[in-house]
């Protein structure tokens, strides 16, 4: 089923993207089980040691064995499916401005990866679960979502600008520079205006950045599987003999 994605049918686009998202999520979880989970455990151990006796004997709502096992893979599979559906919406929205299926998949994946992963990572990079004040959670969530909304808006605006400039005959080099400037400059100003992360970081810098880079790599792997996998499968379907014999 996942090997046959018809880019002209919304149901096929949504189903194929969701399934690829689940596959990408499982692969990301597999990667993070090796490069991310050990860092999380180290951060938890540091926080427990600092909390001392007050943390001893407190029951766990979800055990660490479940969190780093079934819980990790289930969470990434579900979030991957959700990301796949978002990808399908953006892919379908761009169908008229970008008829080439593979390029459209790359643009949709780049916009979403930039908005949902890269932009918030640059401004508010993630911390291990044991790091952070619970009282600032709401504020951190608002700031995080604000960056996502701004990045998504400018990313889609950049894609629309690229389409218009292409229609006016701009060469690819000039068009790329113009679109990059139209997206990067406003986002840079937004990053400068938005406040910094509200919580002090209390774990060693090496551990912190190892976790952050692991988190980024897992999410980029997920988006790569969705965008590249969808682009290849949808392009193959368009070139297959089925398309030439399909009724309109």
C-alpha atoms as a PDB file:
ATOM      1  CA  UNK A   1       0.000   0.000   0.000  1.00  0.00           C
ATOM      2  CA  UNK A   2       2.759   2.433   0.897  1.00  0.00           C
ATOM      3  CA  UNK A   3       4.519   1.654  -2.395  1.00  0.00           C
ATOM      4  CA  UNK A   4       1.664   3.149  -4.449  1.00  0.00           C
ATOM      5  CA  UNK A   5       1.119   6.845  -3.738  1.00  0.00           C
ATOM      6  CA  UNK A   6      -1.061   8.581  -6.306  1.00  0.00           C
ATOM      7  CA  UNK A   7      -0.238  12.318  -5.989  1.00  0.00           C
ATOM      8  CA  UNK A   8      -3.492  13.250  -7.735  1.00  0.00           C
ATOM      9  CA  UNK A   9      -5.750  11.644  -5.118  1.00  0.00           C
ATOM     10  CA  UNK A  10      -6.057  13.269  -1.673  1.00  0.00           C
ATOM     11  CA  UNK A  11      -6.795   9.992   0.113  1.00  0.00           C
ATOM     12  CA  UNK A  12      -3.709   8.315  -1.330  1.00  0.00           C
ATOM     13  CA  UNK A  13      -1.573  11.346  -0.459  1.00  0.00           C
ATOM     14  CA  UNK A  14      -2.811  11.431   3.142  1.00  0.00           C
ATOM     15  CA  UNK A  15      -2.531   7.686   3.718  1.00  0.00           C
ATOM     16  CA  UNK A  16       0.891   7.387   2.100  1.00  0.00           C
ATOM     17  CA  UNK A  17       2.283  10.361   4.017  1.00  0.00           C
ATOM     18  CA  UNK A  18       0.887   9.090   7.332  1.00  0.00           C
ATOM     19  CA  UNK A  19       2.389   5.627   6.810  1.00  0.00           C
ATOM     20  CA  UNK A  20       5.756   7.098   5.838  1.00  0.00           C
ATOM     21  CA  UNK A  21       5.538   9.293   8.928  1.00  0.00           C
ATOM     22  CA  UNK A  22       5.069   6.213  11.098  1.00  0.00           C
ATOM     23  CA  UNK A  23       8.061   4.541   9.450  1.00  0.00           C
ATOM     24  CA  UNK A  24      10.137   7.682   9.914  1.00  0.00           C
ATOM     25  CA  UNK A  25       9.013   7.930  13.528  1.00  0.00           C
ATOM     26  CA  UNK A  26      10.043   4.367  14.271  1.00  0.00           C
ATOM     27  CA  UNK A  27      13.445   4.924  12.662  1.00  0.00           C
ATOM     28  CA  UNK A  28      13.887   8.147  14.641  1.00  0.00           C
ATOM     29  CA  UNK A  29      12.965   6.314  17.857  1.00  0.00           C
ATOM     30  CA  UNK A  30      15.505   3.610  17.050  1.00  0.00           C
ATOM     31  CA  UNK A  31      18.189   6.244  16.550  1.00  0.00           C
ATOM     32  CA  UNK A  32      17.265   8.100  19.738  1.00  0.00           C
ATOM     33  CA  UNK A  33      17.249   4.913  21.795  1.00  0.00           C
ATOM     34  CA  UNK A  34      21.015   4.797  21.158  1.00  0.00           C
ATOM     35  CA  UNK A  35      22.018   8.482  21.076  1.00  0.00           C
ATOM     36  CA  UNK A  36      19.313  10.257  23.084  1.00  0.00           C
ATOM     37  CA  UNK A  37      18.086   8.022  25.886  1.00  0.00           C
ATOM     38  CA  UNK A  38      21.507   7.599  27.550  1.00  0.00           C
ATOM     39  CA  UNK A  39      21.744  11.409  27.828  1.00  0.00           C
ATOM     40  CA  UNK A  40      18.277  11.607  29.345  1.00  0.00           C
ATOM     41  CA  UNK A  41      19.224   9.025  31.955  1.00  0.00           C
ATOM     42  CA  UNK A  42      22.404  10.915  32.794  1.00  0.00           C
ATOM     43  CA  UNK A  43      20.414  14.139  33.296  1.00  0.00           C
ATOM     44  CA  UNK A  44      17.885  12.332  35.493  1.00  0.00           C
ATOM     45  CA  UNK A  45      20.676  10.872  37.613  1.00  0.00           C
ATOM     46  CA  UNK A  46      22.161  14.344  38.092  1.00  0.00           C
ATOM     47  CA  UNK A  47      18.822  15.807  39.168  1.00  0.00           C
ATOM     48  CA  UNK A  48      18.141  12.923  41.558  1.00  0.00           C
ATOM     49  CA  UNK A  49      21.578  13.342  43.118  1.00  0.00           C
ATOM     50  CA  UNK A  50      20.941  17.050  43.607  1.00  0.00           C
ATOM     51  CA  UNK A  51      17.444  16.521  45.008  1.00  0.00           C
ATOM     52  CA  UNK A  52      18.847  14.036  47.503  1.00  0.00           C
ATOM     53  CA  UNK A  53      16.491  12.504  50.027  1.00  0.00           C
ATOM     54  CA  UNK A  54      13.438  14.459  48.822  1.00  0.00           C
ATOM     55  CA  UNK A  55      13.457  12.537  45.542  1.00  0.00           C
ATOM     56  CA  UNK A  56      13.946   9.141  47.130  1.00  0.00           C
ATOM     57  CA  UNK A  57      11.011   6.796  47.126  1.00  0.00           C
ATOM     58  CA  UNK A  58       8.778   8.934  44.922  1.00  0.00           C
ATOM     59  CA  UNK A  59       6.655   6.705  42.678  1.00  0.00           C
ATOM     60  CA  UNK A  60       7.076   6.953  38.926  1.00  0.00           C
ATOM     61  CA  UNK A  61       3.908   7.578  36.916  1.00  0.00           C
ATOM     62  CA  UNK A  62       5.523   5.840  33.943  1.00  0.00           C
ATOM     63  CA  UNK A  63       8.609   3.721  34.537  1.00  0.00           C
ATOM     64  CA  UNK A  64      11.839   4.555  32.736  1.00  0.00           C
ATOM     65  CA  UNK A  65      11.856   1.117  31.113  1.00  0.00           C
ATOM     66  CA  UNK A  66       8.517   1.935  29.457  1.00  0.00           C
ATOM     67  CA  UNK A  67       9.566   5.507  28.600  1.00  0.00           C
ATOM     68  CA  UNK A  68      12.695   4.418  26.746  1.00  0.00           C
ATOM     69  CA  UNK A  69      11.117   1.310  25.242  1.00  0.00           C
ATOM     70  CA  UNK A  70       7.520   0.956  24.108  1.00  0.00           C
ATOM     71  CA  UNK A  71       6.680   4.535  25.087  1.00  0.00           C
ATOM     72  CA  UNK A  72       9.445   6.037  22.958  1.00  0.00           C
ATOM     73  CA  UNK A  73       8.548   4.039  19.842  1.00  0.00           C
ATOM     74  CA  UNK A  74       4.785   4.549  20.264  1.00  0.00           C
ATOM     75  CA  UNK A  75       5.183   8.303  20.774  1.00  0.00           C
ATOM     76  CA  UNK A  76       7.364   8.723  17.699  1.00  0.00           C
ATOM     77  CA  UNK A  77       5.145   6.500  15.554  1.00  0.00           C
ATOM     78  CA  UNK A  78       2.069   8.552  16.461  1.00  0.00           C
ATOM     79  CA  UNK A  79       3.809  11.902  16.098  1.00  0.00           C
ATOM     80  CA  UNK A  80       5.306  10.723  12.811  1.00  0.00           C
ATOM     81  CA  UNK A  81       1.832   9.876  11.493  1.00  0.00           C
ATOM     82  CA  UNK A  82       0.604  13.333  12.562  1.00  0.00           C
ATOM     83  CA  UNK A  83       3.574  14.993  10.851  1.00  0.00           C
ATOM     84  CA  UNK A  84       2.823  12.927   7.768  1.00  0.00           C
ATOM     85  CA  UNK A  85      -0.740  14.258   7.664  1.00  0.00           C
ATOM     86  CA  UNK A  86       0.553  17.824   7.995  1.00  0.00           C
ATOM     87  CA  UNK A  87       2.934  17.089   5.150  1.00  0.00           C
ATOM     88  CA  UNK A  88       0.024  15.814   3.040  1.00  0.00           C
ATOM     89  CA  UNK A  89      -1.902  19.057   3.618  1.00  0.00           C
ATOM     90  CA  UNK A  90       1.042  21.242   2.575  1.00  0.00           C
ATOM     91  CA  UNK A  91       1.879  18.967  -0.376  1.00  0.00           C
ATOM     92  CA  UNK A  92      -1.697  19.147  -1.618  1.00  0.00           C
ATOM     93  CA  UNK A  93      -1.857  22.926  -1.114  1.00  0.00           C
ATOM     94  CA  UNK A  94       1.195  23.394  -3.350  1.00  0.00           C
ATOM     95  CA  UNK A  95      -0.112  21.194  -6.190  1.00  0.00           C
ATOM     96  CA  UNK A  96      -0.914  24.072  -8.577  1.00  0.00           C
ATOM     97  CA  UNK A  97       2.158  26.175  -7.970  1.00  0.00           C
ATOM     98  CA  UNK A  98       4.580  23.229  -8.086  1.00  0.00           C
ATOM     99  CA  UNK A  99       3.509  20.555 -10.559  1.00  0.00           C
ATOM    100  CA  UNK A 100       6.730  18.541 -10.259  1.00  0.00           C
ATOM    101  CA  UNK A 101       5.884  15.942  -7.616  1.00  0.00           C
ATOM    102  CA  UNK A 102       9.384  15.307  -6.272  1.00  0.00           C
ATOM    103  CA  UNK A 103      10.251  18.995  -5.941  1.00  0.00           C
ATOM    104  CA  UNK A 104       6.893  19.669  -4.322  1.00  0.00           C
ATOM    105  CA  UNK A 105       7.568  16.957  -1.742  1.00  0.00           C
ATOM    106  CA  UNK A 106      10.981  18.460  -0.982  1.00  0.00           C
ATOM    107  CA  UNK A 107       9.513  21.960  -0.580  1.00  0.00           C
ATOM    108  CA  UNK A 108       6.715  20.705   1.689  1.00  0.00           C
ATOM    109  CA  UNK A 109       9.192  18.748   3.793  1.00  0.00           C
ATOM    110  CA  UNK A 110      11.640  21.653   3.996  1.00  0.00           C
ATOM    111  CA  UNK A 111       8.943  24.140   5.066  1.00  0.00           C
ATOM    112  CA  UNK A 112       7.593  21.842   7.772  1.00  0.00           C
ATOM    113  CA  UNK A 113      10.992  20.668   9.015  1.00  0.00           C
ATOM    114  CA  UNK A 114      12.163  24.269   9.164  1.00  0.00           C
ATOM    115  CA  UNK A 115       9.054  25.472  10.994  1.00  0.00           C
ATOM    116  CA  UNK A 116       8.449  22.566  13.381  1.00  0.00           C
ATOM    117  CA  UNK A 117      12.004  21.406  14.053  1.00  0.00           C
ATOM    118  CA  UNK A 118      14.859  23.681  12.993  1.00  0.00           C
ATOM    119  CA  UNK A 119      13.490  27.143  13.886  1.00  0.00           C
ATOM    120  CA  UNK A 120      12.369  26.314  17.454  1.00  0.00           C
ATOM    121  CA  UNK A 121      15.567  24.298  17.956  1.00  0.00           C
ATOM    122  CA  UNK A 122      17.662  27.335  17.057  1.00  0.00           C
ATOM    123  CA  UNK A 123      15.820  29.722  19.381  1.00  0.00           C
ATOM    124  CA  UNK A 124      14.683  27.417  22.179  1.00  0.00           C
ATOM    125  CA  UNK A 125      16.711  24.193  21.914  1.00  0.00           C
ATOM    126  CA  UNK A 126      15.270  21.310  23.947  1.00  0.00           C
ATOM    127  CA  UNK A 127      16.538  20.305  27.354  1.00  0.00           C
ATOM    128  CA  UNK A 128      16.516  16.824  28.891  1.00  0.00           C
ATOM    129  CA  UNK A 129      13.200  16.015  30.639  1.00  0.00           C
ATOM    130  CA  UNK A 130      14.656  16.433  34.131  1.00  0.00           C
ATOM    131  CA  UNK A 131      15.836  19.990  33.371  1.00  0.00           C
ATOM    132  CA  UNK A 132      13.483  22.955  33.762  1.00  0.00           C
ATOM    133  CA  UNK A 133      11.146  24.591  36.240  1.00  0.00           C
ATOM    134  CA  UNK A 134       7.576  23.205  36.057  1.00  0.00           C
ATOM    135  CA  UNK A 135       6.257  26.685  36.918  1.00  0.00           C
ATOM    136  CA  UNK A 136       7.582  28.085  33.622  1.00  0.00           C
ATOM    137  CA  UNK A 137       6.141  25.300  31.463  1.00  0.00           C
ATOM    138  CA  UNK A 138       3.217  27.370  30.133  1.00  0.00           C
ATOM    139  CA  UNK A 139       5.497  30.252  29.187  1.00  0.00           C
ATOM    140  CA  UNK A 140       7.966  27.956  27.477  1.00  0.00           C
ATOM    141  CA  UNK A 141       5.164  26.362  25.462  1.00  0.00           C
ATOM    142  CA  UNK A 142       3.850  29.755  24.332  1.00  0.00           C
ATOM    143  CA  UNK A 143       7.307  30.868  23.202  1.00  0.00           C
ATOM    144  CA  UNK A 144       7.905  27.572  21.415  1.00  0.00           C
ATOM    145  CA  UNK A 145       4.585  27.719  19.544  1.00  0.00           C
ATOM    146  CA  UNK A 146       5.200  31.368  18.643  1.00  0.00           C
ATOM    147  CA  UNK A 147       8.431  30.452  16.869  1.00  0.00           C
ATOM    148  CA  UNK A 148       6.680  27.609  15.015  1.00  0.00           C
ATOM    149  CA  UNK A 149       3.861  29.876  13.808  1.00  0.00           C
ATOM    150  CA  UNK A 150       6.280  32.569  12.638  1.00  0.00           C
ATOM    151  CA  UNK A 151       8.542  30.084  10.869  1.00  0.00           C
ATOM    152  CA  UNK A 152       5.625  28.302   9.178  1.00  0.00           C
ATOM    153  CA  UNK A 153       4.168  31.587   7.967  1.00  0.00           C
ATOM    154  CA  UNK A 154       7.441  32.852   6.535  1.00  0.00           C
ATOM    155  CA  UNK A 155       8.251  29.448   5.064  1.00  0.00           C
ATOM    156  CA  UNK A 156       4.966  29.303   3.135  1.00  0.00           C
ATOM    157  CA  UNK A 157       5.402  32.937   2.120  1.00  0.00           C
ATOM    158  CA  UNK A 158       8.864  32.078   0.815  1.00  0.00           C
ATOM    159  CA  UNK A 159       7.466  29.187  -1.229  1.00  0.00           C
ATOM    160  CA  UNK A 160       4.799  31.489  -2.708  1.00  0.00           C
ATOM    161  CA  UNK A 161       7.433  34.131  -3.504  1.00  0.00           C
ATOM    162  CA  UNK A 162       9.586  31.546  -5.253  1.00  0.00           C
ATOM    163  CA  UNK A 163       6.637  30.526  -7.434  1.00  0.00           C
ATOM    164  CA  UNK A 164       5.933  34.130  -8.418  1.00  0.00           C
ATOM    165  CA  UNK A 165       9.549  34.874  -9.226  1.00  0.00           C
ATOM    166  CA  UNK A 166       9.779  31.707 -11.317  1.00  0.00           C
ATOM    167  CA  UNK A 167       6.690  32.777 -13.264  1.00  0.00           C
ATOM    168  CA  UNK A 168       8.387  36.122 -13.958  1.00  0.00           C
ATOM    169  CA  UNK A 169      11.417  34.354 -15.388  1.00  0.00           C
ATOM    170  CA  UNK A 170      13.916  34.928 -12.588  1.00  0.00           C
ATOM    171  CA  UNK A 171      16.940  32.599 -12.868  1.00  0.00           C
ATOM    172  CA  UNK A 172      17.303  30.007 -10.127  1.00  0.00           C
ATOM    173  CA  UNK A 173      20.318  31.621  -8.477  1.00  0.00           C
ATOM    174  CA  UNK A 174      18.736  35.044  -8.067  1.00  0.00           C
ATOM    175  CA  UNK A 175      15.437  33.486  -7.018  1.00  0.00           C
ATOM    176  CA  UNK A 176      17.119  31.397  -4.319  1.00  0.00           C
ATOM    177  CA  UNK A 177      18.952  34.409  -2.880  1.00  0.00           C
ATOM    178  CA  UNK A 178      15.772  36.534  -2.870  1.00  0.00           C
ATOM    179  CA  UNK A 179      13.667  33.859  -1.184  1.00  0.00           C
ATOM    180  CA  UNK A 180      16.364  33.092   1.387  1.00  0.00           C
ATOM    181  CA  UNK A 181      16.655  36.773   2.283  1.00  0.00           C
ATOM    182  CA  UNK A 182      12.862  37.142   2.489  1.00  0.00           C
ATOM    183  CA  UNK A 183      12.709  34.282   4.997  1.00  0.00           C
ATOM    184  CA  UNK A 184      15.948  34.541   6.976  1.00  0.00           C
ATOM    185  CA  UNK A 185      15.941  38.293   7.648  1.00  0.00           C
ATOM    186  CA  UNK A 186      12.454  38.463   9.259  1.00  0.00           C
ATOM    187  CA  UNK A 187      13.115  35.288  11.245  1.00  0.00           C
ATOM    188  CA  UNK A 188      16.422  36.724  12.454  1.00  0.00           C
ATOM    189  CA  UNK A 189      14.623  39.856  13.634  1.00  0.00           C
ATOM    190  CA  UNK A 190      11.994  37.731  15.380  1.00  0.00           C
ATOM    191  CA  UNK A 191      14.714  35.720  17.126  1.00  0.00           C
ATOM    192  CA  UNK A 192      16.302  38.967  18.313  1.00  0.00           C
ATOM    193  CA  UNK A 193      13.015  40.351  19.679  1.00  0.00           C
ATOM    194  CA  UNK A 194      11.729  37.197  21.376  1.00  0.00           C
ATOM    195  CA  UNK A 195      12.949  36.639  24.967  1.00  0.00           C
ATOM    196  CA  UNK A 196      15.464  33.953  25.793  1.00  0.00           C
ATOM    197  CA  UNK A 197      14.699  30.645  27.444  1.00  0.00           C
ATOM    198  CA  UNK A 198      13.292  31.295  30.944  1.00  0.00           C
ATOM    199  CA  UNK A 199      15.002  28.416  32.747  1.00  0.00           C
ATOM    200  CA  UNK A 200      18.657  28.210  33.782  1.00  0.00           C
ATOM    201  CA  UNK A 201      20.412  25.061  32.629  1.00  0.00           C
ATOM    202  CA  UNK A 202      21.942  23.076  35.454  1.00  0.00           C
ATOM    203  CA  UNK A 203      23.478  20.100  33.646  1.00  0.00           C
ATOM    204  CA  UNK A 204      26.966  19.985  32.100  1.00  0.00           C
ATOM    205  CA  UNK A 205      27.207  21.681  28.701  1.00  0.00           C
ATOM    206  CA  UNK A 206      28.584  18.558  27.012  1.00  0.00           C
ATOM    207  CA  UNK A 207      25.624  16.478  28.168  1.00  0.00           C
ATOM    208  CA  UNK A 208      23.163  19.224  27.259  1.00  0.00           C
ATOM    209  CA  UNK A 209      24.380  19.682  23.688  1.00  0.00           C
ATOM    210  CA  UNK A 210      24.736  15.958  23.123  1.00  0.00           C
ATOM    211  CA  UNK A 211      21.049  15.629  23.974  1.00  0.00           C
ATOM    212  CA  UNK A 212      20.052  18.610  21.824  1.00  0.00           C
ATOM    213  CA  UNK A 213      21.943  17.355  18.785  1.00  0.00           C
ATOM    214  CA  UNK A 214      20.485  13.878  19.242  1.00  0.00           C
ATOM    215  CA  UNK A 215      16.983  15.340  19.387  1.00  0.00           C
ATOM    216  CA  UNK A 216      17.590  17.380  16.232  1.00  0.00           C
ATOM    217  CA  UNK A 217      19.019  14.416  14.330  1.00  0.00           C
ATOM    218  CA  UNK A 218      16.055  12.213  15.233  1.00  0.00           C
ATOM    219  CA  UNK A 219      13.508  14.759  14.035  1.00  0.00           C
ATOM    220  CA  UNK A 220      15.404  15.525  10.837  1.00  0.00           C
ATOM    221  CA  UNK A 221      15.564  11.807  10.103  1.00  0.00           C
ATOM    222  CA  UNK A 222      11.784  11.637  10.471  1.00  0.00           C
ATOM    223  CA  UNK A 223      11.217  14.527   8.044  1.00  0.00           C
ATOM    224  CA  UNK A 224      13.742  13.121   5.578  1.00  0.00           C
ATOM    225  CA  UNK A 225      11.926   9.794   5.447  1.00  0.00           C
ATOM    226  CA  UNK A 226       8.599  11.542   4.846  1.00  0.00           C
ATOM    227  CA  UNK A 227       9.749  14.023   2.199  1.00  0.00           C
ATOM    228  CA  UNK A 228      12.231  11.864   0.279  1.00  0.00           C
ATOM    229  CA  UNK A 229      10.194   8.673   0.576  1.00  0.00           C
ATOM    230  CA  UNK A 230       7.000  10.385  -0.535  1.00  0.00           C
ATOM    231  CA  UNK A 231       8.735  12.188  -3.388  1.00  0.00           C
ATOM    232  CA  UNK A 232      10.288   8.998  -4.744  1.00  0.00           C
ATOM    233  CA  UNK A 233       7.140   6.857  -4.433  1.00  0.00           C
ATOM    234  CA  UNK A 234       4.826   9.505  -5.882  1.00  0.00           C
ATOM    235  CA  UNK A 235       7.216  10.171  -8.778  1.00  0.00           C
ATOM    236  CA  UNK A 236       7.455   6.455  -9.513  1.00  0.00           C
ATOM    237  CA  UNK A 237       3.666   6.211  -9.583  1.00  0.00           C
ATOM    238  CA  UNK A 238       3.402   9.096 -12.065  1.00  0.00           C
ATOM    239  CA  UNK A 239       5.884   7.380 -14.367  1.00  0.00           C
ATOM    240  CA  UNK A 240       4.212   3.980 -14.095  1.00  0.00           C
ATOM    241  CA  UNK A 241       2.029   2.559 -16.913  1.00  0.00           C
ATOM    242  CA  UNK A 242      -0.973   2.736 -14.572  1.00  0.00           C
ATOM    243  CA  UNK A 243      -1.140   6.497 -15.003  1.00  0.00           C
ATOM    244  CA  UNK A 244      -1.408   6.371 -18.783  1.00  0.00           C
ATOM    245  CA  UNK A 245      -4.332   3.941 -18.643  1.00  0.00           C
ATOM    246  CA  UNK A 246      -6.138   5.486 -15.670  1.00  0.00           C
ATOM    247  CA  UNK A 247      -9.469   7.076 -16.436  1.00  0.00           C
ATOM    248  CA  UNK A 248      -9.716  10.805 -15.719  1.00  0.00           C
END
